[in-house]
Each structure stands twice: as structure tokens, then as C-alpha cells.
Amino acid sequence: MAKKVKSNIIKVGLVQMSCDQKPEVNFKKAIARIGEAAKKGAQIVCLQELFRSQYFCQTEDIELFKLAETIPGPTTEAMSKVARQKNVVILVSLFEKRAAGVYHNTAVVIDASGQIAGKYRKMHIPDDPLYYEKFYFTPGDLGFQTHDTKYGKVGALICWDQWFPEAARLTALSGSQFLFYPTAIGWLPNEEEEMNQAQHSAWETIQRAHAIANGVYVVVVNRVGREGKLNFWGQSFVADPFGRIIAKASADKEEVLVADCDLDKIDETRQNWPFLRDRRIDFYTPLSSRFLDSSPLK
């Protein structure tokens, strides 16, 4: 008897790349890698954060605003053609020029039809050594959303967002089956190896926790290689709704990773761990406070 093929499995592709100084080189590489993922059966393909360029936020330079583009624009138009030709959903991370002086770090979800299913503007903007993003990006104003696509309900978040459980929760509550995190994270120069390992462990752990707490698939796509002073640690991965890592890339190589995601696991996990059922939403109002000061003076 022929083995029954499960129809509820979605193949997710992760494109982990190193980046050249020339945007056109990165763009051509990304298109080629999307094609490679599609050949491996991927139905949803995610690129890393700001894939068109090297990670430019290591310095504050107004000349770098020239890297920004409109949405829709040249990249989304080209990626729409690729999505249509390959019959895949593509998550594209871009430096968006919204208006003169207003720029965002934006993820665009392009459906397999080539139509833009939606976009997400990065909500949490870091300002850390070599991650000077507040100089370039206005905080997002579109909220936490789910985008309906041919292959499932997709939530897009970006890099620094991955440290905030509220962002994962709200996106999951809007119906997402997948939380995608295009990412650019690496080690600072002269950091001790023990601290490097601790940072990576924390990064991986908190995102696995998002998968568990929300009963969803978490898909993290990082860049790899040395750019300026940062050594990006790669290790893109997929965690299932139980928090198990079901696919993981290397720390130092470009890779196209494809993982099978069984959507039935979402129902199964949430039935056994009904965290959403047992939430005490009637007592969560204080979460809207910056901090719960003991003093009456604010």
C-alpha cells in the first residue's frame, strides 16, 4: 500500500548569505538562492535582514540613505516576478524610503501570485555599539500582523524584535502559523569566547521560547561572514511549536536550508499546552506600563 502523503506540510526555505559591498551582487545571489530553495521544494522562502547590502548600521553616515528604496519599488517588482515564476512566497527585508527624512527597516511578504500580501515595519529599533539603527530607521507603525499567503498565515518580525515576547505573542494572536525573523546579528570584536557562546545561546533560547509559548513555527534567517567589525554568526534555524530545532545552518557558511513544517503540530501542541486558553488577560493591563514603579510619583 502506498504511503499517504501529508497535505498539511509546508516546506520553508532559509537563505543564509554573506554580503558583498555591491548591492547588485547580493541581489543576483539572493535570486539564485531563492531558485535553489524552490528546486528543493520550498514554498515559503525568507531572506536575511537588509539582504541587498552589507550591514551598514555600524556607522552613522547620511550617504548611506542612498541605499533606501520605495515599496513598491525596484526590488519588490523584481521579487514579485521571481515569486510568480517559482510559485513561492518570498519574505524580503528592505531599507524602505517612505518619504523624505522618514525611513524604515521593512519586511515585505510577496505571495506566490506575485502580489504583495503585506508588509511589516520593524517596531523595536536598537542603538548599541555597531548597531546604530536609530540613526537610520523610524520605529514601525503598522503593528503586529498576520499576512495570508498561498501556503499559510505568515507573521514577519525583524532581528531586535526577536528579544521581545510581546511582539511574538501579538503576532501569534493575530493568527500567524509562522514567525519569520530576518536577522543580522554577530559577535562584537575582541569579545571573549565564553561571552560569544552565552550571547548565541540566549538568542537561540529566547526564540525557541517564542515557539513554545505561542505554539507556532519560528524561522530565523541570519547572515554570515565578516563585515566591517562584526562577525555574523549565521546558524539560521527553524524551531517547531514544541521548541525543538528541526533545521539549522552552520556558523560560517552560506547555505540554503529547507525544512518541513507540519501545520498539524500547531493544533497538537496547543491542545496539550493550552497557554492561549489559560492566559489571564483580565490582569495584563499593567504590561502597557514602562515599569511598575513602587513610588506613586511617575
C-alpha atoms as a PDB file:
ATOM      1  CA  MET A   1       0.000   0.000   0.000  1.00  0.00           C
ATOM      2  CA  ALA A   2       1.344   3.427  -0.948  1.00  0.00           C
ATOM      3  CA  LYS A   3       2.256   5.646   1.944  1.00  0.00           C
ATOM      4  CA  LYS A   4      -0.154   8.531   2.367  1.00  0.00           C
ATOM      5  CA  VAL A   5       1.488  11.905   1.837  1.00  0.00           C
ATOM      6  CA  LYS A   6       0.524  14.508   4.417  1.00  0.00           C
ATOM      7  CA  SER A   7      -1.010  17.537   2.745  1.00  0.00           C
ATOM      8  CA  ASN A   8      -0.515  19.842   5.711  1.00  0.00           C
ATOM      9  CA  ILE A   9       3.277  20.023   5.464  1.00  0.00           C
ATOM     10  CA  ILE A  10       4.731  23.330   4.272  1.00  0.00           C
ATOM     11  CA  LYS A  11       8.354  23.466   3.142  1.00  0.00           C
ATOM     12  CA  VAL A  12      10.146  26.592   4.360  1.00  0.00           C
ATOM     13  CA  GLY A  13      13.384  27.850   2.797  1.00  0.00           C
ATOM     14  CA  LEU A  14      16.036  29.912   4.600  1.00  0.00           C
ATOM     15  CA  VAL A  15      18.659  31.778   2.560  1.00  0.00           C
ATOM     16  CA  GLN A  16      21.779  32.395   4.686  1.00  0.00           C
ATOM     17  CA  MET A  17      24.210  34.587   2.732  1.00  0.00           C
ATOM     18  CA  SER A  18      27.391  36.572   3.055  1.00  0.00           C
ATOM     19  CA  CYS A  19      27.126  40.036   1.517  1.00  0.00           C
ATOM     20  CA  ASP A  20      29.293  41.943  -0.935  1.00  0.00           C
ATOM     21  CA  GLN A  21      29.801  45.714  -0.913  1.00  0.00           C
ATOM     22  CA  LYS A  22      27.917  45.911  -4.235  1.00  0.00           C
ATOM     23  CA  PRO A  23      24.118  45.644  -3.827  1.00  0.00           C
ATOM     24  CA  GLU A  24      23.660  44.234  -7.335  1.00  0.00           C
ATOM     25  CA  VAL A  25      25.901  41.276  -6.472  1.00  0.00           C
ATOM     26  CA  ASN A  26      23.846  40.480  -3.374  1.00  0.00           C
ATOM     27  CA  PHE A  27      20.611  40.868  -5.311  1.00  0.00           C
ATOM     28  CA  LYS A  28      21.645  38.406  -8.017  1.00  0.00           C
ATOM     29  CA  LYS A  29      22.885  35.957  -5.419  1.00  0.00           C
ATOM     30  CA  ALA A  30      19.615  36.152  -3.493  1.00  0.00           C
ATOM     31  CA  ILE A  31      17.566  35.442  -6.619  1.00  0.00           C
ATOM     32  CA  ALA A  32      19.771  32.450  -7.414  1.00  0.00           C
ATOM     33  CA  ARG A  33      19.401  31.134  -3.847  1.00  0.00           C
ATOM     34  CA  ILE A  34      15.632  31.529  -3.980  1.00  0.00           C
ATOM     35  CA  GLY A  35      15.674  29.422  -7.131  1.00  0.00           C
ATOM     36  CA  GLU A  36      17.787  26.829  -5.352  1.00  0.00           C
ATOM     37  CA  ALA A  37      15.346  26.726  -2.438  1.00  0.00           C
ATOM     38  CA  ALA A  38      12.421  26.337  -4.838  1.00  0.00           C
ATOM     39  CA  LYS A  39      14.177  23.398  -6.541  1.00  0.00           C
ATOM     40  CA  LYS A  40      14.439  21.769  -3.124  1.00  0.00           C
ATOM     41  CA  GLY A  41      10.691  22.122  -2.757  1.00  0.00           C
ATOM     42  CA  ALA A  42      10.497  25.288  -0.644  1.00  0.00           C
ATOM     43  CA  GLN A  43       7.121  27.006  -0.742  1.00  0.00           C
ATOM     44  CA  ILE A  44       7.948  29.955   1.523  1.00  0.00           C
ATOM     45  CA  VAL A  45      11.438  31.471   1.266  1.00  0.00           C
ATOM     46  CA  CYS A  46      12.870  34.039   3.683  1.00  0.00           C
ATOM     47  CA  LEU A  47      15.903  36.261   3.072  1.00  0.00           C
ATOM     48  CA  GLN A  48      18.066  37.760   5.818  1.00  0.00           C
ATOM     49  CA  GLU A  49      17.694  41.290   7.167  1.00  0.00           C
ATOM     50  CA  LEU A  50      18.679  44.055   4.698  1.00  0.00           C
ATOM     51  CA  PHE A  51      19.952  41.431   2.247  1.00  0.00           C
ATOM     52  CA  ARG A  52      20.760  43.909  -0.558  1.00  0.00           C
ATOM     53  CA  SER A  53      23.764  45.424   1.209  1.00  0.00           C
ATOM     54  CA  GLN A  54      26.293  44.798   3.880  1.00  0.00           C
ATOM     55  CA  TYR A  55      25.059  45.726   7.345  1.00  0.00           C
ATOM     56  CA  PHE A  56      25.573  49.484   7.077  1.00  0.00           C
ATOM     57  CA  CYS A  57      24.349  50.453  10.580  1.00  0.00           C
ATOM     58  CA  GLN A  58      27.849  50.014  12.012  1.00  0.00           C
ATOM     59  CA  THR A  59      28.432  53.708  11.205  1.00  0.00           C
ATOM     60  CA  GLU A  60      26.297  56.859  11.034  1.00  0.00           C
ATOM     61  CA  ASP A  61      26.642  58.242   7.517  1.00  0.00           C
ATOM     62  CA  ILE A  62      23.962  60.217   5.645  1.00  0.00           C
ATOM     63  CA  GLU A  63      25.370  58.964   2.340  1.00  0.00           C
ATOM     64  CA  LEU A  64      24.046  55.518   3.219  1.00  0.00           C
ATOM     65  CA  PHE A  65      20.457  56.734   2.952  1.00  0.00           C
ATOM     66  CA  LYS A  66      21.007  56.324  -0.783  1.00  0.00           C
ATOM     67  CA  LEU A  67      20.624  52.572  -0.227  1.00  0.00           C
ATOM     68  CA  ALA A  68      16.935  53.048   0.618  1.00  0.00           C
ATOM     69  CA  GLU A  69      14.098  52.496  -1.865  1.00  0.00           C
ATOM     70  CA  THR A  70      10.351  52.791  -2.044  1.00  0.00           C
ATOM     71  CA  ILE A  71       7.864  49.962  -1.545  1.00  0.00           C
ATOM     72  CA  PRO A  72       6.581  49.079  -4.116  1.00  0.00           C
ATOM     73  CA  GLY A  73       9.852  49.677  -5.891  1.00  0.00           C
ATOM     74  CA  PRO A  74      12.568  48.012  -7.967  1.00  0.00           C
ATOM     75  CA  THR A  75      13.319  45.190  -5.525  1.00  0.00           C
ATOM     76  CA  THR A  76       9.707  44.266  -4.809  1.00  0.00           C
ATOM     77  CA  GLU A  77       8.898  44.373  -8.535  1.00  0.00           C
ATOM     78  CA  ALA A  78      11.778  42.024  -9.351  1.00  0.00           C
ATOM     79  CA  MET A  79      10.987  39.703  -6.430  1.00  0.00           C
ATOM     80  CA  SER A  80       7.318  39.612  -7.447  1.00  0.00           C
ATOM     81  CA  LYS A  81       8.374  38.181 -10.813  1.00  0.00           C
ATOM     82  CA  VAL A  82      10.540  35.569  -9.083  1.00  0.00           C
ATOM     83  CA  ALA A  83       7.714  34.615  -6.713  1.00  0.00           C
ATOM     84  CA  ARG A  84       5.327  34.189  -9.637  1.00  0.00           C
ATOM     85  CA  GLN A  85       7.821  32.228 -11.756  1.00  0.00           C
ATOM     86  CA  LYS A  86       8.860  29.902  -8.913  1.00  0.00           C
ATOM     87  CA  ASN A  87       5.380  29.723  -7.333  1.00  0.00           C
ATOM     88  CA  VAL A  88       6.817  30.594  -3.914  1.00  0.00           C
ATOM     89  CA  VAL A  89       6.062  33.088  -1.163  1.00  0.00           C
ATOM     90  CA  ILE A  90       9.075  35.352  -0.514  1.00  0.00           C
ATOM     91  CA  LEU A  91       9.860  37.431   2.579  1.00  0.00           C
ATOM     92  CA  VAL A  92      12.081  40.342   1.565  1.00  0.00           C
ATOM     93  CA  SER A  93      13.828  42.631   4.062  1.00  0.00           C
ATOM     94  CA  LEU A  94      14.415  46.156   2.750  1.00  0.00           C
ATOM     95  CA  PHE A  95      15.596  49.635   3.717  1.00  0.00           C
ATOM     96  CA  GLU A  96      12.369  51.494   2.945  1.00  0.00           C
ATOM     97  CA  LYS A  97      12.218  55.146   1.928  1.00  0.00           C
ATOM     98  CA  ARG A  98       8.720  56.181   2.969  1.00  0.00           C
ATOM     99  CA  ALA A  99       9.200  59.920   2.495  1.00  0.00           C
ATOM    100  CA  ALA A 100      11.966  62.495   2.652  1.00  0.00           C
ATOM    101  CA  GLY A 101      13.529  62.010   6.089  1.00  0.00           C
ATOM    102  CA  VAL A 102      11.312  59.043   7.003  1.00  0.00           C
ATOM    103  CA  TYR A 103      12.890  55.621   6.568  1.00  0.00           C
ATOM    104  CA  HIS A 104      12.006  52.170   7.892  1.00  0.00           C
ATOM    105  CA  ASN A 105      13.521  48.713   8.238  1.00  0.00           C
ATOM    106  CA  THR A 106      10.756  46.776   6.487  1.00  0.00           C
ATOM    107  CA  ALA A 107       9.868  43.181   5.672  1.00  0.00           C
ATOM    108  CA  VAL A 108       7.636  42.643   2.635  1.00  0.00           C
ATOM    109  CA  VAL A 109       5.617  39.453   2.180  1.00  0.00           C
ATOM    110  CA  ILE A 110       5.194  38.639  -1.511  1.00  0.00           C
ATOM    111  CA  ASP A 111       2.642  35.946  -2.296  1.00  0.00           C
ATOM    112  CA  ALA A 112       3.178  33.195  -4.865  1.00  0.00           C
ATOM    113  CA  SER A 113       0.952  35.147  -7.265  1.00  0.00           C
ATOM    114  CA  GLY A 114       3.496  37.966  -7.236  1.00  0.00           C
ATOM    115  CA  GLN A 115       1.193  40.263  -5.288  1.00  0.00           C
ATOM    116  CA  ILE A 116       2.360  41.976  -2.092  1.00  0.00           C
ATOM    117  CA  ALA A 117       0.448  40.253   0.704  1.00  0.00           C
ATOM    118  CA  GLY A 118       1.557  42.808   3.275  1.00  0.00           C
ATOM    119  CA  LYS A 119       4.489  44.450   4.966  1.00  0.00           C
ATOM    120  CA  TYR A 120       5.861  44.919   8.459  1.00  0.00           C
ATOM    121  CA  ARG A 121       7.967  47.821   9.683  1.00  0.00           C
ATOM    122  CA  LYS A 122      10.438  46.963  12.416  1.00  0.00           C
ATOM    123  CA  MET A 123       8.993  48.118  15.727  1.00  0.00           C
ATOM    124  CA  HIS A 124      11.970  47.797  18.083  1.00  0.00           C
ATOM    125  CA  ILE A 125      14.979  49.811  16.913  1.00  0.00           C
ATOM    126  CA  PRO A 126      18.308  49.173  18.652  1.00  0.00           C
ATOM    127  CA  ASP A 127      21.058  51.657  19.414  1.00  0.00           C
ATOM    128  CA  ASP A 128      24.006  49.552  20.518  1.00  0.00           C
ATOM    129  CA  PRO A 129      27.719  49.555  19.655  1.00  0.00           C
ATOM    130  CA  LEU A 130      27.954  48.858  15.887  1.00  0.00           C
ATOM    131  CA  TYR A 131      24.143  48.616  15.665  1.00  0.00           C
ATOM    132  CA  TYR A 132      23.289  52.293  15.281  1.00  0.00           C
ATOM    133  CA  GLU A 133      19.867  51.712  13.796  1.00  0.00           C
ATOM    134  CA  LYS A 134      18.099  54.657  15.408  1.00  0.00           C
ATOM    135  CA  PHE A 135      20.116  56.940  13.105  1.00  0.00           C
ATOM    136  CA  TYR A 136      18.511  55.320  10.050  1.00  0.00           C
ATOM    137  CA  PHE A 137      15.134  53.858  10.958  1.00  0.00           C
ATOM    138  CA  THR A 138      11.882  55.329  12.206  1.00  0.00           C
ATOM    139  CA  PRO A 139      10.064  52.871  14.516  1.00  0.00           C
ATOM    140  CA  GLY A 140       7.345  50.930  12.741  1.00  0.00           C
ATOM    141  CA  ASP A 141       3.709  51.972  12.866  1.00  0.00           C
ATOM    142  CA  LEU A 142       1.891  49.040  11.261  1.00  0.00           C
ATOM    143  CA  GLY A 143       1.625  46.950  14.402  1.00  0.00           C
ATOM    144  CA  PHE A 144       1.957  43.180  14.612  1.00  0.00           C
ATOM    145  CA  GLN A 145       0.104  41.457  11.807  1.00  0.00           C
ATOM    146  CA  THR A 146      -0.566  38.177  10.079  1.00  0.00           C
ATOM    147  CA  HIS A 147      -0.393  38.017   6.288  1.00  0.00           C
ATOM    148  CA  ASP A 148      -2.457  35.403   4.439  1.00  0.00           C
ATOM    149  CA  THR A 149      -0.486  33.661   1.700  1.00  0.00           C
ATOM    150  CA  LYS A 150      -0.979  30.691  -0.586  1.00  0.00           C
ATOM    151  CA  TYR A 151       0.951  28.451   1.795  1.00  0.00           C
ATOM    152  CA  GLY A 152      -0.107  29.666   5.204  1.00  0.00           C
ATOM    153  CA  LYS A 153      -0.521  32.524   7.631  1.00  0.00           C
ATOM    154  CA  VAL A 154       2.760  34.385   7.952  1.00  0.00           C
ATOM    155  CA  GLY A 155       3.968  36.823  10.591  1.00  0.00           C
ATOM    156  CA  ALA A 156       7.070  38.904   9.900  1.00  0.00           C
ATOM    157  CA  LEU A 157       9.258  40.411  12.618  1.00  0.00           C
ATOM    158  CA  ILE A 158      12.838  41.676  12.304  1.00  0.00           C
ATOM    159  CA  CYS A 159      16.025  40.999  14.295  1.00  0.00           C
ATOM    160  CA  TRP A 160      15.874  43.097  17.505  1.00  0.00           C
ATOM    161  CA  ASP A 161      12.147  42.281  17.656  1.00  0.00           C
ATOM    162  CA  GLN A 162      13.159  38.702  18.440  1.00  0.00           C
ATOM    163  CA  TRP A 163      14.033  39.606  22.026  1.00  0.00           C
ATOM    164  CA  PHE A 164      10.533  40.846  22.858  1.00  0.00           C
ATOM    165  CA  PRO A 165       7.944  38.228  23.883  1.00  0.00           C
ATOM    166  CA  GLU A 166       5.160  40.790  23.436  1.00  0.00           C
ATOM    167  CA  ALA A 167       5.907  41.053  19.705  1.00  0.00           C
ATOM    168  CA  ALA A 168       5.828  37.295  19.229  1.00  0.00           C
ATOM    169  CA  ARG A 169       2.648  36.957  21.284  1.00  0.00           C
ATOM    170  CA  LEU A 170       0.711  39.669  19.465  1.00  0.00           C
ATOM    171  CA  THR A 171       1.741  38.350  16.071  1.00  0.00           C
ATOM    172  CA  ALA A 172       0.716  34.832  17.042  1.00  0.00           C
ATOM    173  CA  LEU A 173      -2.593  36.103  18.450  1.00  0.00           C
ATOM    174  CA  SER A 174      -3.357  37.682  15.074  1.00  0.00           C
ATOM    175  CA  GLY A 175      -3.336  34.181  13.575  1.00  0.00           C
ATOM    176  CA  SER A 176       0.229  33.509  12.402  1.00  0.00           C
ATOM    177  CA  GLN A 177       1.358  29.919  11.937  1.00  0.00           C
ATOM    178  CA  PHE A 178       4.936  31.057  11.268  1.00  0.00           C
ATOM    179  CA  LEU A 179       7.000  33.797  12.895  1.00  0.00           C
ATOM    180  CA  PHE A 180       9.762  34.808  10.495  1.00  0.00           C
ATOM    181  CA  TYR A 181      12.734  36.796  11.778  1.00  0.00           C
ATOM    182  CA  PRO A 182      15.064  38.174   9.073  1.00  0.00           C
ATOM    183  CA  THR A 183      18.188  38.888  11.113  1.00  0.00           C
ATOM    184  CA  ALA A 184      21.643  40.485  11.140  1.00  0.00           C
ATOM    185  CA  ILE A 185      23.397  39.556  14.364  1.00  0.00           C
ATOM    186  CA  GLY A 186      27.001  38.759  15.123  1.00  0.00           C
ATOM    187  CA  TRP A 187      29.808  38.998  17.597  1.00  0.00           C
ATOM    188  CA  LEU A 188      31.496  42.236  18.587  1.00  0.00           C
ATOM    189  CA  PRO A 189      35.256  42.466  18.074  1.00  0.00           C
ATOM    190  CA  ASN A 190      37.541  41.362  20.912  1.00  0.00           C
ATOM    191  CA  GLU A 191      34.701  39.661  22.760  1.00  0.00           C
ATOM    192  CA  GLU A 192      35.722  36.677  24.888  1.00  0.00           C
ATOM    193  CA  GLU A 193      34.665  33.282  23.569  1.00  0.00           C
ATOM    194  CA  GLU A 194      32.658  32.498  26.687  1.00  0.00           C
ATOM    195  CA  MET A 195      30.592  35.664  26.203  1.00  0.00           C
ATOM    196  CA  ASN A 196      30.150  34.883  22.499  1.00  0.00           C
ATOM    197  CA  GLN A 197      28.709  31.498  23.310  1.00  0.00           C
ATOM    198  CA  ALA A 198      26.486  32.924  26.035  1.00  0.00           C
ATOM    199  CA  GLN A 199      25.086  35.542  23.642  1.00  0.00           C
ATOM    200  CA  HIS A 200      24.349  32.997  20.948  1.00  0.00           C
ATOM    201  CA  SER A 201      22.730  30.638  23.438  1.00  0.00           C
ATOM    202  CA  ALA A 202      20.476  33.423  24.750  1.00  0.00           C
ATOM    203  CA  TRP A 203      19.496  34.414  21.191  1.00  0.00           C
ATOM    204  CA  GLU A 204      18.551  30.883  20.248  1.00  0.00           C
ATOM    205  CA  THR A 205      16.842  30.138  23.566  1.00  0.00           C
ATOM    206  CA  ILE A 206      14.502  33.120  23.570  1.00  0.00           C
ATOM    207  CA  GLN A 207      13.292  32.366  20.059  1.00  0.00           C
ATOM    208  CA  ARG A 208      12.709  28.717  20.840  1.00  0.00           C
ATOM    209  CA  ALA A 209      10.708  30.016  23.813  1.00  0.00           C
ATOM    210  CA  HIS A 210       8.540  32.097  21.443  1.00  0.00           C
ATOM    211  CA  ALA A 211       7.744  28.907  19.528  1.00  0.00           C
ATOM    212  CA  ILE A 212       6.787  27.089  22.737  1.00  0.00           C
ATOM    213  CA  ALA A 213       4.807  29.906  24.356  1.00  0.00           C
ATOM    214  CA  ASN A 214       2.773  30.548  21.222  1.00  0.00           C
ATOM    215  CA  GLY A 215       2.602  27.105  19.618  1.00  0.00           C
ATOM    216  CA  VAL A 216       3.976  28.272  16.255  1.00  0.00           C
ATOM    217  CA  TYR A 217       6.927  27.677  13.966  1.00  0.00           C
ATOM    218  CA  VAL A 218       9.748  30.174  14.394  1.00  0.00           C
ATOM    219  CA  VAL A 219      12.022  30.735  11.393  1.00  0.00           C
ATOM    220  CA  VAL A 220      15.218  32.769  11.887  1.00  0.00           C
ATOM    221  CA  VAL A 221      17.400  33.775   8.922  1.00  0.00           C
ATOM    222  CA  ASN A 222      20.761  35.336   9.810  1.00  0.00           C
ATOM    223  CA  ARG A 223      23.615  36.499   7.617  1.00  0.00           C
ATOM    224  CA  VAL A 224      27.099  35.025   7.770  1.00  0.00           C
ATOM    225  CA  GLY A 225      30.679  36.233   7.358  1.00  0.00           C
ATOM    226  CA  ARG A 226      32.744  39.248   8.381  1.00  0.00           C
ATOM    227  CA  GLU A 227      31.501  42.757   7.559  1.00  0.00           C
ATOM    228  CA  GLY A 228      33.369  45.703   8.987  1.00  0.00           C
ATOM    229  CA  LYS A 229      33.936  44.959  12.664  1.00  0.00           C
ATOM    230  CA  LEU A 230      31.124  42.421  13.023  1.00  0.00           C
ATOM    231  CA  ASN A 231      31.448  38.685  12.539  1.00  0.00           C
ATOM    232  CA  PHE A 232      27.932  37.455  11.787  1.00  0.00           C
ATOM    233  CA  TRP A 233      27.293  34.095  13.378  1.00  0.00           C
ATOM    234  CA  GLY A 234      24.883  32.530  10.867  1.00  0.00           C
ATOM    235  CA  GLN A 235      23.231  29.491  12.471  1.00  0.00           C
ATOM    236  CA  SER A 236      19.849  30.228  10.917  1.00  0.00           C
ATOM    237  CA  PHE A 237      17.282  27.785  12.237  1.00  0.00           C
ATOM    238  CA  VAL A 238      13.689  26.578  12.373  1.00  0.00           C
ATOM    239  CA  ALA A 239      12.012  25.688  15.680  1.00  0.00           C
ATOM    240  CA  ASP A 240       8.781  23.709  15.786  1.00  0.00           C
ATOM    241  CA  PRO A 241       5.832  24.562  18.106  1.00  0.00           C
ATOM    242  CA  PHE A 242       7.409  22.412  20.813  1.00  0.00           C
ATOM    243  CA  GLY A 243      10.600  24.488  20.623  1.00  0.00           C
ATOM    244  CA  ARG A 244      12.664  21.756  19.010  1.00  0.00           C
ATOM    245  CA  ILE A 245      15.179  22.860  16.383  1.00  0.00           C
ATOM    246  CA  ILE A 246      14.276  20.883  13.254  1.00  0.00           C
ATOM    247  CA  ALA A 247      16.798  22.511  10.898  1.00  0.00           C
ATOM    248  CA  LYS A 248      19.919  24.585  11.484  1.00  0.00           C
ATOM    249  CA  ALA A 249      22.620  26.110   9.286  1.00  0.00           C
ATOM    250  CA  SER A 250      26.325  26.403  10.029  1.00  0.00           C
ATOM    251  CA  ALA A 251      28.083  29.303  11.728  1.00  0.00           C
ATOM    252  CA  ASP A 252      30.404  30.189   8.866  1.00  0.00           C
ATOM    253  CA  LYS A 253      28.997  29.044   5.504  1.00  0.00           C
ATOM    254  CA  GLU A 254      26.410  30.244   3.041  1.00  0.00           C
ATOM    255  CA  GLU A 255      23.526  27.798   2.955  1.00  0.00           C
ATOM    256  CA  VAL A 256      20.064  27.235   1.577  1.00  0.00           C
ATOM    257  CA  LEU A 257      18.160  25.365   4.253  1.00  0.00           C
ATOM    258  CA  VAL A 258      14.760  23.756   3.646  1.00  0.00           C
ATOM    259  CA  ALA A 259      12.627  22.413   6.492  1.00  0.00           C
ATOM    260  CA  ASP A 260       9.325  20.528   6.566  1.00  0.00           C
ATOM    261  CA  CYS A 261       6.790  22.248   8.834  1.00  0.00           C
ATOM    262  CA  ASP A 262       3.746  20.141   9.712  1.00  0.00           C
ATOM    263  CA  LEU A 263       0.904  22.564  10.432  1.00  0.00           C
ATOM    264  CA  ASP A 264      -0.955  19.844  12.354  1.00  0.00           C
ATOM    265  CA  LYS A 265       1.735  20.225  15.034  1.00  0.00           C
ATOM    266  CA  ILE A 266       0.313  23.643  15.887  1.00  0.00           C
ATOM    267  CA  ASP A 267      -3.074  22.234  16.890  1.00  0.00           C
ATOM    268  CA  GLU A 268      -1.460  19.262  18.584  1.00  0.00           C
ATOM    269  CA  THR A 269       0.870  21.397  20.688  1.00  0.00           C
ATOM    270  CA  ARG A 270      -1.755  23.972  21.653  1.00  0.00           C
ATOM    271  CA  GLN A 271      -4.169  21.237  22.710  1.00  0.00           C
ATOM    272  CA  ASN A 272      -1.575  19.719  25.022  1.00  0.00           C
ATOM    273  CA  TRP A 273      -0.160  23.034  26.200  1.00  0.00           C
ATOM    274  CA  PRO A 274      -3.161  25.413  26.168  1.00  0.00           C
ATOM    275  CA  PHE A 275      -1.249  28.561  27.056  1.00  0.00           C
ATOM    276  CA  LEU A 276      -3.549  30.741  24.955  1.00  0.00           C
ATOM    277  CA  ARG A 277      -6.611  29.329  26.711  1.00  0.00           C
ATOM    278  CA  ASP A 278      -5.238  29.949  30.210  1.00  0.00           C
ATOM    279  CA  ARG A 279      -3.958  33.487  29.721  1.00  0.00           C
ATOM    280  CA  ARG A 280      -5.301  35.905  32.365  1.00  0.00           C
ATOM    281  CA  ILE A 281      -5.996  38.777  30.011  1.00  0.00           C
ATOM    282  CA  ASP A 282      -8.043  40.495  32.713  1.00  0.00           C
ATOM    283  CA  PHE A 283      -4.830  41.084  34.696  1.00  0.00           C
ATOM    284  CA  TYR A 284      -2.379  42.015  31.938  1.00  0.00           C
ATOM    285  CA  THR A 285      -3.198  45.727  31.652  1.00  0.00           C
ATOM    286  CA  PRO A 286      -0.009  46.700  33.570  1.00  0.00           C
ATOM    287  CA  LEU A 287       2.012  45.379  30.616  1.00  0.00           C
ATOM    288  CA  SER A 288       1.272  48.697  28.921  1.00  0.00           C
ATOM    289  CA  SER A 289       3.355  50.458  31.608  1.00  0.00           C
ATOM    290  CA  ARG A 290       7.049  51.146  31.015  1.00  0.00           C
ATOM    291  CA  PHE A 291       7.853  49.921  34.515  1.00  0.00           C
ATOM    292  CA  LEU A 292       5.805  49.222  37.641  1.00  0.00           C
ATOM    293  CA  ASP A 293       7.260  51.804  39.993  1.00  0.00           C
ATOM    294  CA  SER A 294       6.621  51.326  43.692  1.00  0.00           C
ATOM    295  CA  SER A 295       6.504  55.098  44.188  1.00  0.00           C
ATOM    296  CA  PRO A 296       3.278  56.946  43.297  1.00  0.00           C
ATOM    297  CA  LEU A 297       5.429  59.599  41.591  1.00  0.00           C
ATOM    298  CA  LYS A 298       5.833  58.859  37.856  1.00  0.00           C
END
